[in-house]
Amino acid sequence: LFLFASRDFWFEVPLPFYLRSPDCQTLGPDFSCTPDDDGSCTRGALCDPSLDYCTNVNPGGGCGGPGLDRVVVGAFLGGYIILYGQVQ
């Protein structure tokens, strides 16, 4: 029971945050940006107009992930869960 619940928790909470989080080496004051230019920050990061440097999309979130888009993460996890259910 605990293994099943832990797998469900992993797919519902931390894995989507990890897949959406940006690379740690592309955040912070060393990476200045312009708020008008959406391409000035890497995937999963956005330009904070008050700070003028790239920050995390998820407030309070970490970094170190691939920075995938929300739709891509949802499609991947939905497809994986459906395929895994078919295998079972």
C-alpha atoms as a PDB file:
ATOM      1  CA  LEU A   1       0.000   0.000   0.000  1.00  0.00           C
ATOM      2  CA  PHE A   2       2.775   2.445   0.910  1.00  0.00           C
ATOM      3  CA  LEU A   3       4.702   1.768  -2.308  1.00  0.00           C
ATOM      4  CA  PHE A   4       1.589   2.432  -4.399  1.00  0.00           C
ATOM      5  CA  ALA A   5       0.814   5.647  -2.529  1.00  0.00           C
ATOM      6  CA  SER A   6       4.404   6.866  -2.780  1.00  0.00           C
ATOM      7  CA  ARG A   7       4.404   6.344  -6.556  1.00  0.00           C
ATOM      8  CA  ASP A   8       1.183   8.313  -6.901  1.00  0.00           C
ATOM      9  CA  PHE A   9       2.504  11.094  -4.712  1.00  0.00           C
ATOM     10  CA  TRP A  10       5.752  11.247  -6.728  1.00  0.00           C
ATOM     11  CA  PHE A  11       3.855  11.678 -10.023  1.00  0.00           C
ATOM     12  CA  GLU A  12       1.377  14.223  -8.668  1.00  0.00           C
ATOM     13  CA  VAL A  13       3.601  16.611  -6.727  1.00  0.00           C
ATOM     14  CA  PRO A  14       7.428  16.644  -6.990  1.00  0.00           C
ATOM     15  CA  LEU A  15       8.006  15.243 -10.485  1.00  0.00           C
ATOM     16  CA  PRO A  16       6.001  17.958 -12.307  1.00  0.00           C
ATOM     17  CA  PHE A  17       7.831  20.649 -10.326  1.00  0.00           C
ATOM     18  CA  TYR A  18      11.186  19.091 -11.166  1.00  0.00           C
ATOM     19  CA  LEU A  19      10.375  18.768 -14.880  1.00  0.00           C
ATOM     20  CA  ARG A  20       9.293  22.436 -15.034  1.00  0.00           C
ATOM     21  CA  SER A  21      12.179  23.880 -13.001  1.00  0.00           C
ATOM     22  CA  PRO A  22      14.963  25.671 -14.908  1.00  0.00           C
ATOM     23  CA  ASP A  23      18.664  24.910 -14.871  1.00  0.00           C
ATOM     24  CA  CYS A  24      20.362  26.407 -11.774  1.00  0.00           C
ATOM     25  CA  GLN A  25      23.258  27.814 -13.803  1.00  0.00           C
ATOM     26  CA  THR A  26      20.952  30.125 -15.775  1.00  0.00           C
ATOM     27  CA  LEU A  27      19.317  31.978 -12.873  1.00  0.00           C
ATOM     28  CA  GLY A  28      20.315  34.914 -10.735  1.00  0.00           C
ATOM     29  CA  PRO A  29      21.986  38.301 -11.027  1.00  0.00           C
ATOM     30  CA  ASP A  30      24.626  37.014 -13.457  1.00  0.00           C
ATOM     31  CA  PHE A  31      21.936  36.538 -16.130  1.00  0.00           C
ATOM     32  CA  SER A  32      20.408  39.921 -16.853  1.00  0.00           C
ATOM     33  CA  CYS A  33      17.362  40.165 -19.081  1.00  0.00           C
ATOM     34  CA  THR A  34      14.861  42.591 -20.523  1.00  0.00           C
ATOM     35  CA  PRO A  35      11.192  42.187 -19.503  1.00  0.00           C
ATOM     36  CA  ASP A  36      10.029  42.855 -23.080  1.00  0.00           C
ATOM     37  CA  ASP A  37      12.114  40.032 -24.581  1.00  0.00           C
ATOM     38  CA  ASP A  38      10.627  36.602 -23.771  1.00  0.00           C
ATOM     39  CA  GLY A  39      13.657  34.791 -25.213  1.00  0.00           C
ATOM     40  CA  SER A  40      16.216  36.418 -22.938  1.00  0.00           C
ATOM     41  CA  CYS A  41      15.800  33.686 -20.284  1.00  0.00           C
ATOM     42  CA  THR A  42      16.069  29.923 -20.711  1.00  0.00           C
ATOM     43  CA  ARG A  43      13.155  27.506 -20.606  1.00  0.00           C
ATOM     44  CA  GLY A  44      11.444  27.377 -17.225  1.00  0.00           C
ATOM     45  CA  ALA A  45      12.658  30.842 -16.225  1.00  0.00           C
ATOM     46  CA  LEU A  46      11.191  34.287 -16.663  1.00  0.00           C
ATOM     47  CA  CYS A  47      12.494  37.814 -16.481  1.00  0.00           C
ATOM     48  CA  ASP A  48      11.548  39.516 -13.222  1.00  0.00           C
ATOM     49  CA  PRO A  49      10.915  43.198 -14.128  1.00  0.00           C
ATOM     50  CA  SER A  50      11.717  44.428 -10.617  1.00  0.00           C
ATOM     51  CA  LEU A  51      15.084  42.639 -10.536  1.00  0.00           C
ATOM     52  CA  ASP A  52      16.028  42.616 -14.259  1.00  0.00           C
ATOM     53  CA  TYR A  53      17.400  39.088 -14.117  1.00  0.00           C
ATOM     54  CA  CYS A  54      16.098  35.571 -14.779  1.00  0.00           C
ATOM     55  CA  THR A  55      14.130  33.914 -11.975  1.00  0.00           C
ATOM     56  CA  ASN A  56      12.193  30.675 -11.510  1.00  0.00           C
ATOM     57  CA  VAL A  57       8.674  30.398 -12.982  1.00  0.00           C
ATOM     58  CA  ASN A  58       7.453  28.504  -9.912  1.00  0.00           C
ATOM     59  CA  PRO A  59       7.387  30.814  -6.885  1.00  0.00           C
ATOM     60  CA  GLY A  60       9.451  29.236  -4.133  1.00  0.00           C
ATOM     61  CA  GLY A  61      10.475  26.465  -6.498  1.00  0.00           C
ATOM     62  CA  GLY A  62      13.894  24.985  -6.911  1.00  0.00           C
ATOM     63  CA  CYS A  63      16.107  24.591  -9.917  1.00  0.00           C
ATOM     64  CA  GLY A  64      18.067  21.837 -11.598  1.00  0.00           C
ATOM     65  CA  GLY A  65      15.430  20.422 -13.933  1.00  0.00           C
ATOM     66  CA  PRO A  66      15.030  20.498 -17.706  1.00  0.00           C
ATOM     67  CA  GLY A  67      12.630  23.491 -17.700  1.00  0.00           C
ATOM     68  CA  LEU A  68       9.880  21.876 -19.768  1.00  0.00           C
ATOM     69  CA  ASP A  69       6.626  23.648 -20.599  1.00  0.00           C
ATOM     70  CA  ARG A  70       3.522  22.881 -18.518  1.00  0.00           C
ATOM     71  CA  VAL A  71       1.678  21.295 -21.463  1.00  0.00           C
ATOM     72  CA  VAL A  72       4.635  19.019 -22.279  1.00  0.00           C
ATOM     73  CA  VAL A  73       4.911  17.872 -18.660  1.00  0.00           C
ATOM     74  CA  GLY A  74       1.166  17.173 -18.467  1.00  0.00           C
ATOM     75  CA  ALA A  75       1.164  15.244 -21.752  1.00  0.00           C
ATOM     76  CA  PHE A  76       4.210  13.196 -20.742  1.00  0.00           C
ATOM     77  CA  LEU A  77       2.863  12.266 -17.310  1.00  0.00           C
ATOM     78  CA  GLY A  78      -0.642  11.576 -18.652  1.00  0.00           C
ATOM     79  CA  GLY A  79       0.732   9.347 -21.404  1.00  0.00           C
ATOM     80  CA  TYR A  80       3.024   7.530 -18.985  1.00  0.00           C
ATOM     81  CA  ILE A  81       0.211   6.845 -16.522  1.00  0.00           C
ATOM     82  CA  ILE A  82      -2.070   5.545 -19.279  1.00  0.00           C
ATOM     83  CA  LEU A  83       0.633   3.304 -20.755  1.00  0.00           C
ATOM     84  CA  TYR A  84       1.690   2.053 -17.313  1.00  0.00           C
ATOM     85  CA  GLY A  85      -1.931   1.187 -16.543  1.00  0.00           C
ATOM     86  CA  GLN A  86      -2.202  -0.785 -19.771  1.00  0.00           C
ATOM     87  CA  VAL A  87       0.918  -2.773 -18.912  1.00  0.00           C
ATOM     88  CA  GLN A  88      -0.465  -3.639 -15.492  1.00  0.00           C
END
